[in-house]
Amino acid sequence: MTGHVPLILASASPRRVELLAQIGVTPDQILPAQIDEIPLKNERPIDMARRLAEAKAEEIFNNHPDACVIGADTVVCVGRRIMGKATDEAQARGFLELLSGRSHKVIGGLAVIAPSGRVVKAVTTKVEFKRLSREEIDGYIASDEWRDKAGAYAIQGRAGAFVKSIHGSYANVVGLAVHDVAGALKGLGVHPPGLI
């Protein structure tokens, strides 16, 4: 593909913008997609992550067919139980109590759609939490850091102290598996300035 292909991030997440910046990529535009993020009946977490990432990228690409659009979604789950963004303190507390002392998966759906084609995939990272005390959960809830975070925690913030081990991409848990983004862009022949 020749010439500059505008790069659009279909997400308002400042964390995703920061992660792209780490690999030298700056989107030309940030256009958050407006899609329903409710799981389908009996939908597996991995399928949900892929579906939502692709739906977000597709919604923006349909209006910008000459651009390359990156769509992403993060699904946190224990087994097949999906933990979205907690709606209130009680739900956030319930999520943290469920994550305490066990491992869970963070599945990052990734979709990169360009005029030359599309890449849709899911990246899974396994995260193990230490056993959390009531005081630790109370303190974390009081910090408000859980708001607007899948699974009610931010690994790059105070909840990093809860993580006993991680297997897989750390960036994926933060919000975007940048290794996979770089590979998808190169595979589609899209070379944003700054990407090595």
N, C-alpha and C. Protein backbone atom coordinates (compact mmCIF):
# COMPACT_ATOMS: atom_id res chain seq x y z
N MET A 1 0.85 -1.17 0.00
CA MET A 1 0.00 0.00 0.00
C MET A 1 0.90 1.24 0.00
N THR A 2 0.64 2.15 -0.89
CA THR A 2 1.47 3.34 -0.97
C THR A 2 0.73 4.54 -0.41
N GLY A 3 1.50 5.56 -0.03
CA GLY A 3 0.89 6.77 0.51
C GLY A 3 0.48 6.58 1.95
N HIS A 4 0.14 7.70 2.59
CA HIS A 4 -0.22 7.67 4.00
C HIS A 4 -1.68 7.27 4.17
N VAL A 5 -1.90 6.24 4.96
CA VAL A 5 -3.26 5.82 5.29
C VAL A 5 -3.58 6.41 6.66
N PRO A 6 -4.61 7.27 6.76
CA PRO A 6 -4.94 7.85 8.07
C PRO A 6 -5.26 6.74 9.08
N LEU A 7 -4.78 6.90 10.28
CA LEU A 7 -4.99 5.90 11.33
C LEU A 7 -6.00 6.44 12.34
N ILE A 8 -7.06 5.66 12.57
CA ILE A 8 -8.11 6.08 13.50
C ILE A 8 -8.22 5.06 14.63
N LEU A 9 -8.25 5.54 15.86
CA LEU A 9 -8.48 4.67 17.01
C LEU A 9 -9.96 4.81 17.39
N ALA A 10 -10.67 3.68 17.36
CA ALA A 10 -12.12 3.69 17.63
C ALA A 10 -12.38 3.52 19.13
N SER A 11 -11.66 4.30 19.94
CA SER A 11 -11.77 4.18 21.40
C SER A 11 -11.40 5.50 22.05
N ALA A 12 -12.10 5.85 23.11
CA ALA A 12 -11.79 7.09 23.85
C ALA A 12 -10.82 6.82 25.00
N SER A 13 -10.34 5.59 25.13
CA SER A 13 -9.50 5.21 26.27
C SER A 13 -8.14 5.90 26.22
N PRO A 14 -7.83 6.74 27.21
CA PRO A 14 -6.50 7.36 27.24
C PRO A 14 -5.39 6.33 27.39
N ARG A 15 -5.72 5.18 28.02
CA ARG A 15 -4.72 4.12 28.18
C ARG A 15 -4.31 3.55 26.83
N ARG A 16 -5.28 3.40 25.93
CA ARG A 16 -4.95 2.85 24.60
C ARG A 16 -4.10 3.84 23.79
N VAL A 17 -4.39 5.13 23.94
CA VAL A 17 -3.58 6.15 23.26
C VAL A 17 -2.14 6.09 23.78
N GLU A 18 -1.98 5.97 25.10
CA GLU A 18 -0.64 5.89 25.70
C GLU A 18 0.11 4.64 25.24
N LEU A 19 -0.61 3.51 25.16
CA LEU A 19 0.03 2.27 24.72
C LEU A 19 0.49 2.37 23.27
N LEU A 20 -0.31 2.97 22.41
CA LEU A 20 0.11 3.16 21.01
C LEU A 20 1.34 4.06 20.96
N ALA A 21 1.36 5.10 21.79
CA ALA A 21 2.50 6.02 21.81
C ALA A 21 3.79 5.29 22.19
N GLN A 22 3.67 4.26 23.04
CA GLN A 22 4.86 3.49 23.45
C GLN A 22 5.53 2.83 22.26
N ILE A 23 4.75 2.49 21.21
CA ILE A 23 5.36 1.86 20.04
C ILE A 23 5.49 2.87 18.89
N GLY A 24 5.41 4.15 19.24
CA GLY A 24 5.65 5.20 18.25
C GLY A 24 4.49 5.52 17.33
N VAL A 25 3.29 5.08 17.72
CA VAL A 25 2.12 5.29 16.86
C VAL A 25 1.19 6.34 17.47
N THR A 26 0.88 7.35 16.67
CA THR A 26 -0.07 8.39 17.09
C THR A 26 -1.24 8.38 16.12
N PRO A 27 -2.46 8.08 16.59
CA PRO A 27 -3.60 8.07 15.68
C PRO A 27 -3.83 9.47 15.09
N ASP A 28 -4.24 9.51 13.82
CA ASP A 28 -4.61 10.79 13.20
C ASP A 28 -5.91 11.31 13.81
N GLN A 29 -6.78 10.37 14.19
CA GLN A 29 -8.05 10.74 14.81
C GLN A 29 -8.43 9.73 15.88
N ILE A 30 -9.18 10.20 16.87
CA ILE A 30 -9.75 9.31 17.88
C ILE A 30 -11.26 9.48 17.78
N LEU A 31 -11.91 8.42 17.32
CA LEU A 31 -13.36 8.46 17.12
C LEU A 31 -13.99 7.28 17.84
N PRO A 32 -14.43 7.46 19.09
CA PRO A 32 -15.01 6.34 19.83
C PRO A 32 -16.27 5.81 19.15
N ALA A 33 -16.33 4.50 19.01
CA ALA A 33 -17.52 3.86 18.43
C ALA A 33 -18.61 3.78 19.49
N GLN A 34 -19.85 3.86 19.06
CA GLN A 34 -20.99 3.77 19.98
C GLN A 34 -21.72 2.45 19.72
N ILE A 35 -21.33 1.42 20.41
CA ILE A 35 -22.00 0.13 20.22
C ILE A 35 -22.44 -0.44 21.57
N ASP A 36 -23.42 -1.32 21.50
CA ASP A 36 -23.95 -1.98 22.68
C ASP A 36 -22.95 -3.06 23.12
N GLU A 37 -22.50 -3.00 24.36
CA GLU A 37 -21.47 -3.94 24.82
C GLU A 37 -22.04 -5.07 25.68
N ILE A 38 -23.33 -5.33 25.54
CA ILE A 38 -23.96 -6.40 26.32
C ILE A 38 -23.64 -7.75 25.67
N PRO A 39 -23.23 -8.76 26.47
CA PRO A 39 -22.93 -10.08 25.90
C PRO A 39 -24.18 -10.71 25.28
N LEU A 40 -23.97 -11.48 24.24
CA LEU A 40 -25.07 -12.23 23.64
C LEU A 40 -25.36 -13.45 24.50
N LYS A 41 -26.52 -14.02 24.35
CA LYS A 41 -26.91 -15.21 25.13
C LYS A 41 -25.91 -16.33 24.87
N ASN A 42 -25.37 -16.91 25.94
CA ASN A 42 -24.41 -18.02 25.89
C ASN A 42 -23.12 -17.69 25.16
N GLU A 43 -22.81 -16.40 25.01
CA GLU A 43 -21.58 -16.02 24.30
C GLU A 43 -20.37 -16.26 25.18
N ARG A 44 -19.34 -16.88 24.59
CA ARG A 44 -18.09 -17.11 25.32
C ARG A 44 -17.32 -15.78 25.40
N PRO A 45 -16.59 -15.57 26.50
CA PRO A 45 -15.85 -14.31 26.65
C PRO A 45 -14.94 -13.99 25.46
N ILE A 46 -14.24 -15.00 24.93
CA ILE A 46 -13.32 -14.77 23.82
C ILE A 46 -14.07 -14.32 22.56
N ASP A 47 -15.25 -14.88 22.34
CA ASP A 47 -16.06 -14.49 21.18
C ASP A 47 -16.60 -13.07 21.35
N MET A 48 -16.97 -12.73 22.57
CA MET A 48 -17.48 -11.40 22.85
C MET A 48 -16.39 -10.35 22.59
N ALA A 49 -15.18 -10.62 23.08
CA ALA A 49 -14.07 -9.67 22.90
C ALA A 49 -13.80 -9.42 21.42
N ARG A 50 -13.75 -10.50 20.63
CA ARG A 50 -13.51 -10.36 19.18
C ARG A 50 -14.66 -9.61 18.51
N ARG A 51 -15.89 -9.99 18.85
CA ARG A 51 -17.07 -9.39 18.21
C ARG A 51 -17.14 -7.90 18.47
N LEU A 52 -16.94 -7.50 19.73
CA LEU A 52 -17.05 -6.08 20.07
C LEU A 52 -15.92 -5.26 19.43
N ALA A 53 -14.70 -5.80 19.42
CA ALA A 53 -13.59 -5.08 18.80
C ALA A 53 -13.87 -4.87 17.31
N GLU A 54 -14.36 -5.92 16.65
CA GLU A 54 -14.63 -5.80 15.22
C GLU A 54 -15.80 -4.85 14.95
N ALA A 55 -16.84 -4.91 15.79
CA ALA A 55 -18.00 -4.02 15.62
C ALA A 55 -17.59 -2.56 15.77
N LYS A 56 -16.71 -2.28 16.74
CA LYS A 56 -16.24 -0.90 16.95
C LYS A 56 -15.45 -0.41 15.75
N ALA A 57 -14.51 -1.25 15.29
CA ALA A 57 -13.69 -0.85 14.14
C ALA A 57 -14.54 -0.68 12.89
N GLU A 58 -15.49 -1.60 12.70
CA GLU A 58 -16.33 -1.58 11.51
C GLU A 58 -17.21 -0.33 11.46
N GLU A 59 -17.78 0.04 12.62
CA GLU A 59 -18.66 1.21 12.66
C GLU A 59 -17.93 2.46 12.16
N ILE A 60 -16.67 2.62 12.59
CA ILE A 60 -15.90 3.80 12.19
C ILE A 60 -15.39 3.66 10.75
N PHE A 61 -14.96 2.44 10.39
CA PHE A 61 -14.43 2.21 9.03
C PHE A 61 -15.49 2.46 7.96
N ASN A 62 -16.74 2.12 8.27
CA ASN A 62 -17.83 2.34 7.31
C ASN A 62 -17.96 3.81 6.91
N ASN A 63 -17.61 4.71 7.83
CA ASN A 63 -17.67 6.15 7.54
C ASN A 63 -16.33 6.71 7.06
N HIS A 64 -15.27 5.91 7.19
CA HIS A 64 -13.92 6.34 6.79
C HIS A 64 -13.23 5.20 6.04
N PRO A 65 -13.74 4.83 4.85
CA PRO A 65 -13.24 3.64 4.15
C PRO A 65 -11.81 3.75 3.60
N ASP A 66 -11.23 4.95 3.65
CA ASP A 66 -9.84 5.10 3.18
C ASP A 66 -8.85 5.04 4.34
N ALA A 67 -9.36 4.87 5.54
CA ALA A 67 -8.51 4.88 6.73
C ALA A 67 -8.23 3.46 7.22
N CYS A 68 -7.31 3.39 8.17
CA CYS A 68 -7.06 2.15 8.91
C CYS A 68 -7.61 2.40 10.31
N VAL A 69 -8.51 1.53 10.74
CA VAL A 69 -9.18 1.73 12.03
C VAL A 69 -8.79 0.61 13.01
N ILE A 70 -8.43 1.02 14.22
CA ILE A 70 -8.12 0.05 15.27
C ILE A 70 -9.29 0.03 16.26
N GLY A 71 -9.88 -1.14 16.43
CA GLY A 71 -10.95 -1.33 17.41
C GLY A 71 -10.46 -2.29 18.48
N ALA A 72 -10.84 -2.04 19.72
CA ALA A 72 -10.38 -2.91 20.81
C ALA A 72 -11.47 -3.04 21.87
N ASP A 73 -11.45 -4.18 22.55
CA ASP A 73 -12.35 -4.38 23.67
C ASP A 73 -11.65 -5.28 24.68
N THR A 74 -11.90 -5.02 25.95
CA THR A 74 -11.28 -5.83 27.00
C THR A 74 -12.36 -6.54 27.80
N VAL A 75 -12.23 -7.85 27.92
CA VAL A 75 -13.18 -8.67 28.67
C VAL A 75 -12.41 -9.37 29.80
N VAL A 76 -12.88 -9.17 31.02
CA VAL A 76 -12.28 -9.84 32.18
C VAL A 76 -13.24 -10.94 32.59
N CYS A 77 -12.70 -12.15 32.79
CA CYS A 77 -13.60 -13.25 33.15
C CYS A 77 -12.96 -14.24 34.11
N VAL A 78 -13.82 -14.84 34.92
CA VAL A 78 -13.44 -15.97 35.77
C VAL A 78 -14.27 -17.12 35.22
N GLY A 79 -13.59 -18.09 34.60
CA GLY A 79 -14.32 -19.14 33.88
C GLY A 79 -15.10 -18.49 32.75
N ARG A 80 -16.42 -18.76 32.69
CA ARG A 80 -17.23 -18.13 31.65
C ARG A 80 -17.98 -16.91 32.17
N ARG A 81 -17.74 -16.58 33.45
CA ARG A 81 -18.41 -15.40 34.03
C ARG A 81 -17.68 -14.13 33.61
N ILE A 82 -18.38 -13.29 32.88
CA ILE A 82 -17.80 -12.05 32.39
C ILE A 82 -18.02 -10.94 33.41
N MET A 83 -16.93 -10.22 33.70
CA MET A 83 -17.01 -9.09 34.62
C MET A 83 -16.74 -7.82 33.83
N GLY A 84 -17.78 -7.06 33.57
CA GLY A 84 -17.64 -5.82 32.80
C GLY A 84 -17.18 -4.69 33.69
N LYS A 85 -17.58 -3.48 33.34
CA LYS A 85 -17.25 -2.33 34.16
C LYS A 85 -18.29 -2.25 35.29
N ALA A 86 -17.80 -2.21 36.51
CA ALA A 86 -18.71 -2.18 37.66
C ALA A 86 -19.55 -0.91 37.63
N THR A 87 -20.84 -1.07 37.90
CA THR A 87 -21.75 0.08 37.85
C THR A 87 -21.78 0.87 39.16
N ASP A 88 -21.38 0.22 40.26
CA ASP A 88 -21.37 0.91 41.55
C ASP A 88 -20.37 0.25 42.49
N GLU A 89 -20.22 0.82 43.68
CA GLU A 89 -19.24 0.30 44.64
C GLU A 89 -19.54 -1.13 45.06
N ALA A 90 -20.81 -1.45 45.23
CA ALA A 90 -21.17 -2.81 45.66
C ALA A 90 -20.75 -3.84 44.61
N GLN A 91 -20.98 -3.53 43.34
CA GLN A 91 -20.58 -4.46 42.29
C GLN A 91 -19.05 -4.55 42.19
N ALA A 92 -18.38 -3.41 42.32
CA ALA A 92 -16.90 -3.41 42.28
C ALA A 92 -16.35 -4.28 43.41
N ARG A 93 -16.93 -4.16 44.59
CA ARG A 93 -16.50 -4.97 45.74
C ARG A 93 -16.71 -6.46 45.44
N GLY A 94 -17.87 -6.79 44.87
CA GLY A 94 -18.15 -8.18 44.51
C GLY A 94 -17.13 -8.74 43.53
N PHE A 95 -16.75 -7.92 42.53
CA PHE A 95 -15.75 -8.36 41.54
C PHE A 95 -14.42 -8.62 42.23
N LEU A 96 -13.98 -7.70 43.09
CA LEU A 96 -12.69 -7.86 43.76
C LEU A 96 -12.69 -9.07 44.69
N GLU A 97 -13.82 -9.31 45.35
CA GLU A 97 -13.92 -10.49 46.22
C GLU A 97 -13.83 -11.77 45.39
N LEU A 98 -14.40 -11.74 44.19
CA LEU A 98 -14.35 -12.91 43.31
C LEU A 98 -12.93 -13.13 42.77
N LEU A 99 -12.21 -12.05 42.49
CA LEU A 99 -10.85 -12.16 41.95
C LEU A 99 -9.82 -12.52 43.02
N SER A 100 -10.14 -12.22 44.27
CA SER A 100 -9.22 -12.44 45.39
C SER A 100 -8.74 -13.89 45.48
N GLY A 101 -7.42 -14.06 45.49
CA GLY A 101 -6.83 -15.38 45.72
C GLY A 101 -7.00 -16.37 44.58
N ARG A 102 -7.33 -15.89 43.39
CA ARG A 102 -7.49 -16.84 42.27
C ARG A 102 -7.01 -16.19 40.98
N SER A 103 -6.96 -17.00 39.93
CA SER A 103 -6.54 -16.45 38.64
C SER A 103 -7.75 -16.18 37.76
N HIS A 104 -7.59 -15.25 36.86
CA HIS A 104 -8.65 -14.91 35.92
C HIS A 104 -8.01 -14.59 34.57
N LYS A 105 -8.83 -14.44 33.57
CA LYS A 105 -8.32 -14.13 32.24
C LYS A 105 -8.74 -12.73 31.84
N VAL A 106 -7.83 -12.05 31.18
CA VAL A 106 -8.14 -10.78 30.55
C VAL A 106 -8.00 -11.02 29.05
N ILE A 107 -9.12 -10.91 28.35
CA ILE A 107 -9.13 -11.19 26.91
C ILE A 107 -9.27 -9.87 26.16
N GLY A 108 -8.27 -9.57 25.37
CA GLY A 108 -8.29 -8.34 24.58
C GLY A 108 -8.71 -8.65 23.17
N GLY A 109 -9.88 -8.15 22.79
CA GLY A 109 -10.30 -8.27 21.40
C GLY A 109 -9.61 -7.18 20.60
N LEU A 110 -9.11 -7.52 19.43
CA LEU A 110 -8.41 -6.55 18.59
C LEU A 110 -8.89 -6.69 17.15
N ALA A 111 -9.25 -5.57 16.55
CA ALA A 111 -9.63 -5.56 15.14
C ALA A 111 -8.94 -4.39 14.46
N VAL A 112 -8.23 -4.68 13.39
CA VAL A 112 -7.60 -3.64 12.59
C VAL A 112 -8.17 -3.79 11.18
N ILE A 113 -8.89 -2.76 10.74
CA ILE A 113 -9.54 -2.80 9.42
C ILE A 113 -8.95 -1.69 8.57
N ALA A 114 -8.46 -2.07 7.41
CA ALA A 114 -7.85 -1.12 6.47
C ALA A 114 -8.40 -1.40 5.07
N PRO A 115 -8.17 -0.49 4.12
CA PRO A 115 -8.62 -0.77 2.74
C PRO A 115 -8.05 -2.08 2.19
N SER A 116 -6.88 -2.50 2.71
CA SER A 116 -6.22 -3.71 2.21
C SER A 116 -6.72 -5.00 2.86
N GLY A 117 -7.58 -4.89 3.89
CA GLY A 117 -8.06 -6.10 4.56
C GLY A 117 -8.31 -5.87 6.03
N ARG A 118 -8.46 -6.98 6.75
CA ARG A 118 -8.72 -6.86 8.19
C ARG A 118 -8.06 -7.98 8.96
N VAL A 119 -7.72 -7.67 10.20
CA VAL A 119 -7.19 -8.66 11.15
C VAL A 119 -8.09 -8.57 12.38
N VAL A 120 -8.67 -9.70 12.77
CA VAL A 120 -9.49 -9.75 13.98
C VAL A 120 -8.98 -10.91 14.83
N LYS A 121 -8.64 -10.62 16.08
CA LYS A 121 -8.11 -11.67 16.94
C LYS A 121 -8.41 -11.38 18.40
N ALA A 122 -8.10 -12.34 19.23
CA ALA A 122 -8.22 -12.16 20.68
C ALA A 122 -6.90 -12.56 21.31
N VAL A 123 -6.47 -11.76 22.27
CA VAL A 123 -5.22 -12.03 22.99
C VAL A 123 -5.60 -12.29 24.44
N THR A 124 -5.17 -13.43 24.98
CA THR A 124 -5.54 -13.80 26.35
C THR A 124 -4.33 -13.72 27.29
N THR A 125 -4.52 -13.04 28.40
CA THR A 125 -3.51 -12.95 29.44
C THR A 125 -4.11 -13.52 30.72
N LYS A 126 -3.34 -14.36 31.40
CA LYS A 126 -3.81 -14.94 32.67
C LYS A 126 -3.19 -14.14 33.82
N VAL A 127 -4.04 -13.68 34.71
CA VAL A 127 -3.60 -12.86 35.84
C VAL A 127 -4.01 -13.54 37.13
N GLU A 128 -3.07 -13.64 38.08
CA GLU A 128 -3.40 -14.24 39.38
C GLU A 128 -3.31 -13.18 40.47
N PHE A 129 -4.40 -13.05 41.22
CA PHE A 129 -4.43 -12.11 42.34
C PHE A 129 -4.04 -12.82 43.63
N LYS A 130 -3.39 -12.10 44.53
CA LYS A 130 -3.17 -12.61 45.89
C LYS A 130 -4.50 -12.55 46.63
N ARG A 131 -4.55 -13.15 47.78
CA ARG A 131 -5.77 -13.07 48.58
C ARG A 131 -5.86 -11.65 49.14
N LEU A 132 -6.99 -11.00 48.90
CA LEU A 132 -7.16 -9.61 49.32
C LEU A 132 -7.86 -9.53 50.67
N SER A 133 -7.34 -8.67 51.55
CA SER A 133 -7.99 -8.46 52.84
C SER A 133 -9.15 -7.48 52.65
N ARG A 134 -10.02 -7.46 53.64
CA ARG A 134 -11.15 -6.51 53.60
C ARG A 134 -10.61 -5.07 53.51
N GLU A 135 -9.51 -4.80 54.25
CA GLU A 135 -8.92 -3.45 54.26
C GLU A 135 -8.41 -3.07 52.87
N GLU A 136 -7.80 -4.03 52.20
CA GLU A 136 -7.28 -3.75 50.86
C GLU A 136 -8.42 -3.45 49.88
N ILE A 137 -9.48 -4.23 49.98
CA ILE A 137 -10.63 -4.00 49.10
C ILE A 137 -11.28 -2.66 49.43
N ASP A 138 -11.46 -2.37 50.73
CA ASP A 138 -12.04 -1.08 51.14
C ASP A 138 -11.21 0.08 50.61
N GLY A 139 -9.90 -0.04 50.75
CA GLY A 139 -9.00 1.03 50.31
C GLY A 139 -9.06 1.24 48.81
N TYR A 140 -9.15 0.13 48.08
CA TYR A 140 -9.19 0.23 46.62
C TYR A 140 -10.51 0.85 46.16
N ILE A 141 -11.59 0.44 46.80
CA ILE A 141 -12.90 1.01 46.45
C ILE A 141 -12.87 2.53 46.72
N ALA A 142 -12.29 2.91 47.85
CA ALA A 142 -12.24 4.33 48.22
C ALA A 142 -11.39 5.15 47.24
N SER A 143 -10.44 4.51 46.57
CA SER A 143 -9.55 5.23 45.64
C SER A 143 -10.27 5.66 44.36
N ASP A 144 -11.42 5.02 44.08
CA ASP A 144 -12.19 5.29 42.86
C ASP A 144 -11.49 4.84 41.58
N GLU A 145 -10.35 4.17 41.71
CA GLU A 145 -9.61 3.74 40.52
C GLU A 145 -10.37 2.67 39.73
N TRP A 146 -11.28 1.99 40.38
CA TRP A 146 -12.02 0.89 39.74
C TRP A 146 -13.03 1.39 38.71
N ARG A 147 -13.39 2.65 38.79
CA ARG A 147 -14.44 3.17 37.89
C ARG A 147 -14.01 3.09 36.42
N ASP A 148 -14.95 2.65 35.58
CA ASP A 148 -14.73 2.57 34.14
C ASP A 148 -13.64 1.56 33.75
N LYS A 149 -13.42 0.55 34.60
CA LYS A 149 -12.42 -0.48 34.29
C LYS A 149 -13.09 -1.85 34.27
N ALA A 150 -12.83 -2.62 33.23
CA ALA A 150 -13.33 -3.99 33.16
C ALA A 150 -12.78 -4.76 34.35
N GLY A 151 -13.64 -5.50 35.05
CA GLY A 151 -13.20 -6.26 36.21
C GLY A 151 -12.99 -5.41 37.45
N ALA A 152 -13.22 -4.10 37.34
CA ALA A 152 -13.12 -3.15 38.46
C ALA A 152 -11.71 -2.97 39.00
N TYR A 153 -10.69 -3.09 38.12
CA TYR A 153 -9.34 -2.79 38.58
C TYR A 153 -8.46 -2.32 37.42
N ALA A 154 -7.41 -1.59 37.78
CA ALA A 154 -6.42 -1.12 36.80
C ALA A 154 -5.07 -1.68 37.20
N ILE A 155 -4.53 -2.57 36.38
CA ILE A 155 -3.25 -3.22 36.73
C ILE A 155 -2.11 -2.21 36.75
N GLN A 156 -2.24 -1.13 35.94
CA GLN A 156 -1.18 -0.13 35.88
C GLN A 156 -1.25 0.87 37.03
N GLY A 157 -2.26 0.71 37.90
CA GLY A 157 -2.42 1.60 39.05
C GLY A 157 -2.17 0.85 40.35
N ARG A 158 -2.95 1.22 41.36
CA ARG A 158 -2.76 0.64 42.69
C ARG A 158 -3.00 -0.87 42.73
N ALA A 159 -3.87 -1.35 41.85
CA ALA A 159 -4.16 -2.80 41.84
C ALA A 159 -2.95 -3.63 41.41
N GLY A 160 -1.92 -2.98 40.90
CA GLY A 160 -0.69 -3.71 40.58
C GLY A 160 -0.16 -4.46 41.81
N ALA A 161 -0.44 -3.93 43.00
CA ALA A 161 0.00 -4.56 44.25
C ALA A 161 -0.76 -5.86 44.53
N PHE A 162 -1.88 -6.08 43.84
CA PHE A 162 -2.68 -7.29 44.06
C PHE A 162 -2.23 -8.45 43.18
N VAL A 163 -1.44 -8.14 42.15
CA VAL A 163 -1.11 -9.14 41.13
C VAL A 163 0.07 -9.99 41.56
N LYS A 164 -0.21 -11.28 41.73
CA LYS A 164 0.81 -12.25 42.16
C LYS A 164 1.63 -12.71 40.96
N SER A 165 0.95 -12.97 39.85
CA SER A 165 1.66 -13.38 38.64
C SER A 165 0.84 -13.01 37.41
N ILE A 166 1.55 -12.94 36.29
CA ILE A 166 0.89 -12.63 35.02
C ILE A 166 1.54 -13.49 33.93
N HIS A 167 0.72 -14.10 33.11
CA HIS A 167 1.21 -14.94 32.02
C HIS A 167 0.62 -14.41 30.72
N GLY A 168 1.49 -13.80 29.91
CA GLY A 168 1.01 -13.22 28.66
C GLY A 168 1.31 -11.73 28.62
N SER A 169 0.61 -11.03 27.75
CA SER A 169 0.87 -9.62 27.49
C SER A 169 0.35 -8.71 28.61
N TYR A 170 1.28 -7.95 29.22
CA TYR A 170 0.90 -6.96 30.24
C TYR A 170 0.10 -5.84 29.58
N ALA A 171 0.55 -5.38 28.39
CA ALA A 171 -0.14 -4.29 27.69
C ALA A 171 -1.60 -4.67 27.40
N ASN A 172 -1.83 -5.95 27.14
CA ASN A 172 -3.20 -6.42 26.89
C ASN A 172 -4.09 -6.18 28.10
N VAL A 173 -3.54 -6.36 29.30
CA VAL A 173 -4.33 -6.16 30.52
C VAL A 173 -4.61 -4.67 30.72
N VAL A 174 -3.66 -3.83 30.34
CA VAL A 174 -3.86 -2.39 30.45
C VAL A 174 -4.94 -1.92 29.45
N GLY A 175 -5.00 -2.59 28.29
CA GLY A 175 -6.06 -2.21 27.34
C GLY A 175 -5.80 -2.45 25.87
N LEU A 176 -4.55 -2.78 25.49
CA LEU A 176 -4.27 -2.99 24.07
C LEU A 176 -2.97 -3.76 23.91
N ALA A 177 -3.05 -4.92 23.26
CA ALA A 177 -1.86 -5.75 23.02
C ALA A 177 -1.06 -5.14 21.87
N VAL A 178 -0.14 -4.22 22.21
CA VAL A 178 0.54 -3.44 21.17
C VAL A 178 1.42 -4.28 20.25
N HIS A 179 1.97 -5.38 20.76
CA HIS A 179 2.74 -6.29 19.91
C HIS A 179 1.87 -6.78 18.75
N ASP A 180 0.64 -7.13 19.07
CA ASP A 180 -0.29 -7.64 18.06
C ASP A 180 -0.79 -6.53 17.13
N VAL A 181 -0.94 -5.32 17.67
CA VAL A 181 -1.33 -4.18 16.84
C VAL A 181 -0.26 -3.91 15.79
N ALA A 182 1.00 -3.87 16.24
CA ALA A 182 2.11 -3.62 15.32
C ALA A 182 2.15 -4.67 14.21
N GLY A 183 1.98 -5.94 14.61
CA GLY A 183 1.99 -7.03 13.64
C GLY A 183 0.85 -6.92 12.64
N ALA A 184 -0.33 -6.55 13.13
CA ALA A 184 -1.50 -6.41 12.25
C ALA A 184 -1.31 -5.27 11.26
N LEU A 185 -0.80 -4.13 11.74
CA LEU A 185 -0.57 -2.99 10.86
C LEU A 185 0.41 -3.35 9.75
N LYS A 186 1.52 -3.96 10.14
CA LYS A 186 2.53 -4.35 9.14
C LYS A 186 1.97 -5.38 8.16
N GLY A 187 1.20 -6.33 8.69
CA GLY A 187 0.61 -7.36 7.84
C GLY A 187 -0.35 -6.79 6.80
N LEU A 188 -0.99 -5.67 7.15
CA LEU A 188 -1.94 -5.03 6.23
C LEU A 188 -1.27 -3.98 5.36
N GLY A 189 0.05 -3.84 5.53
CA GLY A 189 0.78 -2.87 4.71
C GLY A 189 0.59 -1.43 5.15
N VAL A 190 0.21 -1.25 6.40
CA VAL A 190 0.01 0.10 6.93
C VAL A 190 1.21 0.45 7.81
N HIS A 191 1.90 1.54 7.47
CA HIS A 191 3.11 1.90 8.22
C HIS A 191 3.00 3.33 8.74
N PRO A 192 2.36 3.49 9.91
CA PRO A 192 2.26 4.84 10.48
C PRO A 192 3.66 5.38 10.77
N PRO A 193 3.86 6.69 10.59
CA PRO A 193 5.17 7.25 10.93
C PRO A 193 5.47 6.97 12.39
N GLY A 194 6.67 6.54 12.67
CA GLY A 194 7.05 6.26 14.07
C GLY A 194 7.07 4.78 14.40
N LEU A 195 6.31 3.96 13.65
CA LEU A 195 6.30 2.51 13.93
C LEU A 195 7.56 1.89 13.34
N ILE A 196 8.33 1.23 14.19
CA ILE A 196 9.59 0.63 13.73
C ILE A 196 9.30 -0.64 12.94
